Amino acid sequence: MASAREIEAKRLSQQVQAARLESMDRASILGQSEKLERHIALVEEDLTKQRELVAELLRDGQDATAAMQLLRQFEDLYTRLLSDRDLVRRQLADTAS
């Protein structure tokens, strides 16, 4: 099951892609950039905690299947957010000219 943070970050990622940043003004793009940076930081925290949980479960000989699936979901989300951040940064560089 997806966490509220994951759902929100996916929604933000979809907004970035759907917004077609070229039609946005610089202030709007900066706003998207700030949101992305906050979500990236939160997902980084989630990744750290989830990696620790997986390691603990494995160390204790417990089933880590569900925890590892969630870890992969966080990793996928993180990759998408980084891609979106790169897109926003390119757009900001283009609007700086």
C-alpha atoms as a PDB file:
ATOM      1  CA  MET A   1       0.000   0.000   0.000  1.00  0.00           C
ATOM      2  CA  ALA A   2       1.322   3.428  -0.910  1.00  0.00           C
ATOM      3  CA  SER A   3       2.053   5.884   1.868  1.00  0.00           C
ATOM      4  CA  ALA A   4       0.502   9.336   1.909  1.00  0.00           C
ATOM      5  CA  ARG A   5       3.940  10.797   1.155  1.00  0.00           C
ATOM      6  CA  GLU A   6       4.359   8.522  -1.849  1.00  0.00           C
ATOM      7  CA  ILE A   7       0.922   9.407  -3.182  1.00  0.00           C
ATOM      8  CA  GLU A   8       1.615  13.131  -2.769  1.00  0.00           C
ATOM      9  CA  ALA A   9       5.016  12.858  -4.430  1.00  0.00           C
ATOM     10  CA  LYS A  10       3.544  10.906  -7.349  1.00  0.00           C
ATOM     11  CA  ARG A  11       0.873  13.572  -7.713  1.00  0.00           C
ATOM     12  CA  LEU A  12       3.538  16.269  -7.764  1.00  0.00           C
ATOM     13  CA  SER A  13       5.559  14.326 -10.321  1.00  0.00           C
ATOM     14  CA  GLN A  14       2.516  14.004 -12.537  1.00  0.00           C
ATOM     15  CA  GLN A  15       1.814  17.727 -12.185  1.00  0.00           C
ATOM     16  CA  VAL A  16       5.330  18.595 -13.278  1.00  0.00           C
ATOM     17  CA  GLN A  17       5.044  16.394 -16.342  1.00  0.00           C
ATOM     18  CA  ALA A  18       1.513  17.553 -17.172  1.00  0.00           C
ATOM     19  CA  ALA A  19       2.223  21.234 -16.654  1.00  0.00           C
ATOM     20  CA  ARG A  20       4.624  21.365 -19.584  1.00  0.00           C
ATOM     21  CA  LEU A  21       6.922  23.721 -17.826  1.00  0.00           C
ATOM     22  CA  GLU A  22       7.581  25.767 -20.943  1.00  0.00           C
ATOM     23  CA  SER A  23       4.163  27.380 -20.515  1.00  0.00           C
ATOM     24  CA  MET A  24       4.864  28.411 -16.904  1.00  0.00           C
ATOM     25  CA  ASP A  25       6.376  31.660 -15.736  1.00  0.00           C
ATOM     26  CA  ARG A  26       9.610  31.651 -13.744  1.00  0.00           C
ATOM     27  CA  ALA A  27       7.879  32.170 -10.373  1.00  0.00           C
ATOM     28  CA  SER A  28       5.671  29.136 -10.947  1.00  0.00           C
ATOM     29  CA  ILE A  29       8.645  27.043 -11.994  1.00  0.00           C
ATOM     30  CA  LEU A  30      10.513  28.142  -8.848  1.00  0.00           C
ATOM     31  CA  GLY A  31       7.502  27.080  -6.787  1.00  0.00           C
ATOM     32  CA  GLN A  32       7.533  23.646  -8.421  1.00  0.00           C
ATOM     33  CA  SER A  33      11.271  23.421  -7.798  1.00  0.00           C
ATOM     34  CA  GLU A  34      10.853  24.165  -4.095  1.00  0.00           C
ATOM     35  CA  LYS A  35       8.100  21.537  -3.773  1.00  0.00           C
ATOM     36  CA  LEU A  36      10.247  18.969  -5.538  1.00  0.00           C
ATOM     37  CA  GLU A  37      13.227  19.675  -3.274  1.00  0.00           C
ATOM     38  CA  ARG A  38      11.044  19.201  -0.177  1.00  0.00           C
ATOM     39  CA  HIS A  39       9.629  15.944  -1.492  1.00  0.00           C
ATOM     40  CA  ILE A  40      13.063  14.688  -2.474  1.00  0.00           C
ATOM     41  CA  ALA A  41      14.324  15.348   1.052  1.00  0.00           C
ATOM     42  CA  LEU A  42      11.347  13.512   2.558  1.00  0.00           C
ATOM     43  CA  VAL A  43      11.751  10.533   0.256  1.00  0.00           C
ATOM     44  CA  GLU A  44      15.473  10.415   1.074  1.00  0.00           C
ATOM     45  CA  GLU A  45      14.494  10.107   4.747  1.00  0.00           C
ATOM     46  CA  ASP A  46      11.990   7.386   3.878  1.00  0.00           C
ATOM     47  CA  LEU A  47      14.631   5.529   1.878  1.00  0.00           C
ATOM     48  CA  THR A  48      17.071   5.608   4.775  1.00  0.00           C
ATOM     49  CA  LYS A  49      14.463   4.344   7.234  1.00  0.00           C
ATOM     50  CA  GLN A  50      13.236   1.654   4.859  1.00  0.00           C
ATOM     51  CA  ARG A  51      16.770   0.436   4.136  1.00  0.00           C
ATOM     52  CA  GLU A  52      17.397   0.207   7.871  1.00  0.00           C
ATOM     53  CA  LEU A  53      14.157  -1.723   8.345  1.00  0.00           C
ATOM     54  CA  VAL A  54      15.019  -4.186   5.575  1.00  0.00           C
ATOM     55  CA  ALA A  55      18.488  -4.708   7.033  1.00  0.00           C
ATOM     56  CA  GLU A  56      17.038  -5.257  10.507  1.00  0.00           C
ATOM     57  CA  LEU A  57      14.455  -7.755   9.258  1.00  0.00           C
ATOM     58  CA  LEU A  58      17.069  -9.682   7.302  1.00  0.00           C
ATOM     59  CA  ARG A  59      19.496  -9.627  10.216  1.00  0.00           C
ATOM     60  CA  ASP A  60      16.782 -11.006  12.506  1.00  0.00           C
ATOM     61  CA  GLY A  61      15.880 -13.738  10.017  1.00  0.00           C
ATOM     62  CA  GLN A  62      12.401 -12.338   9.397  1.00  0.00           C
ATOM     63  CA  ASP A  63      10.502 -12.095   6.134  1.00  0.00           C
ATOM     64  CA  ALA A  64      11.503  -8.818   4.486  1.00  0.00           C
ATOM     65  CA  THR A  65       9.524  -9.289   1.260  1.00  0.00           C
ATOM     66  CA  ALA A  66       6.968  -6.533   1.864  1.00  0.00           C
ATOM     67  CA  ALA A  67       9.594  -4.159   3.235  1.00  0.00           C
ATOM     68  CA  MET A  68      11.786  -4.745   0.184  1.00  0.00           C
ATOM     69  CA  GLN A  69       8.834  -4.106  -2.150  1.00  0.00           C
ATOM     70  CA  LEU A  70       8.150  -0.814  -0.407  1.00  0.00           C
ATOM     71  CA  LEU A  71      11.848   0.040  -0.630  1.00  0.00           C
ATOM     72  CA  ARG A  72      11.738  -0.521  -4.396  1.00  0.00           C
ATOM     73  CA  GLN A  73       8.684   1.724  -4.631  1.00  0.00           C
ATOM     74  CA  PHE A  74      10.516   4.468  -2.739  1.00  0.00           C
ATOM     75  CA  GLU A  75      13.535   4.021  -5.004  1.00  0.00           C
ATOM     76  CA  ASP A  76      11.349   4.307  -8.114  1.00  0.00           C
ATOM     77  CA  LEU A  77       9.655   7.381  -6.712  1.00  0.00           C
ATOM     78  CA  TYR A  78      13.023   8.922  -5.860  1.00  0.00           C
ATOM     79  CA  THR A  79      14.251   8.330  -9.408  1.00  0.00           C
ATOM     80  CA  ARG A  80      11.143   9.999 -10.852  1.00  0.00           C
ATOM     81  CA  LEU A  81      11.492  12.977  -8.534  1.00  0.00           C
ATOM     82  CA  LEU A  82      15.154  13.430  -9.480  1.00  0.00           C
ATOM     83  CA  SER A  83      14.174  13.309 -13.146  1.00  0.00           C
ATOM     84  CA  ASP A  84      11.485  15.905 -12.554  1.00  0.00           C
ATOM     85  CA  ARG A  85      13.966  18.080 -10.668  1.00  0.00           C
ATOM     86  CA  ASP A  86      16.362  17.903 -13.613  1.00  0.00           C
ATOM     87  CA  LEU A  87      13.551  18.944 -15.934  1.00  0.00           C
ATOM     88  CA  VAL A  88      12.644  21.885 -13.710  1.00  0.00           C
ATOM     89  CA  ARG A  89      16.282  22.962 -13.423  1.00  0.00           C
ATOM     90  CA  ARG A  90      16.668  22.928 -17.206  1.00  0.00           C
ATOM     91  CA  GLN A  91      13.535  25.015 -17.534  1.00  0.00           C
ATOM     92  CA  LEU A  92      14.811  27.484 -14.949  1.00  0.00           C
ATOM     93  CA  ALA A  93      18.086  27.769 -16.828  1.00  0.00           C
ATOM     94  CA  ASP A  94      16.160  28.412 -20.055  1.00  0.00           C
ATOM     95  CA  THR A  95      14.037  31.136 -18.442  1.00  0.00           C
ATOM     96  CA  ALA A  96      17.084  32.825 -16.938  1.00  0.00           C
ATOM     97  CA  SER A  97      18.187  33.944 -20.380  1.00  0.00           C
END
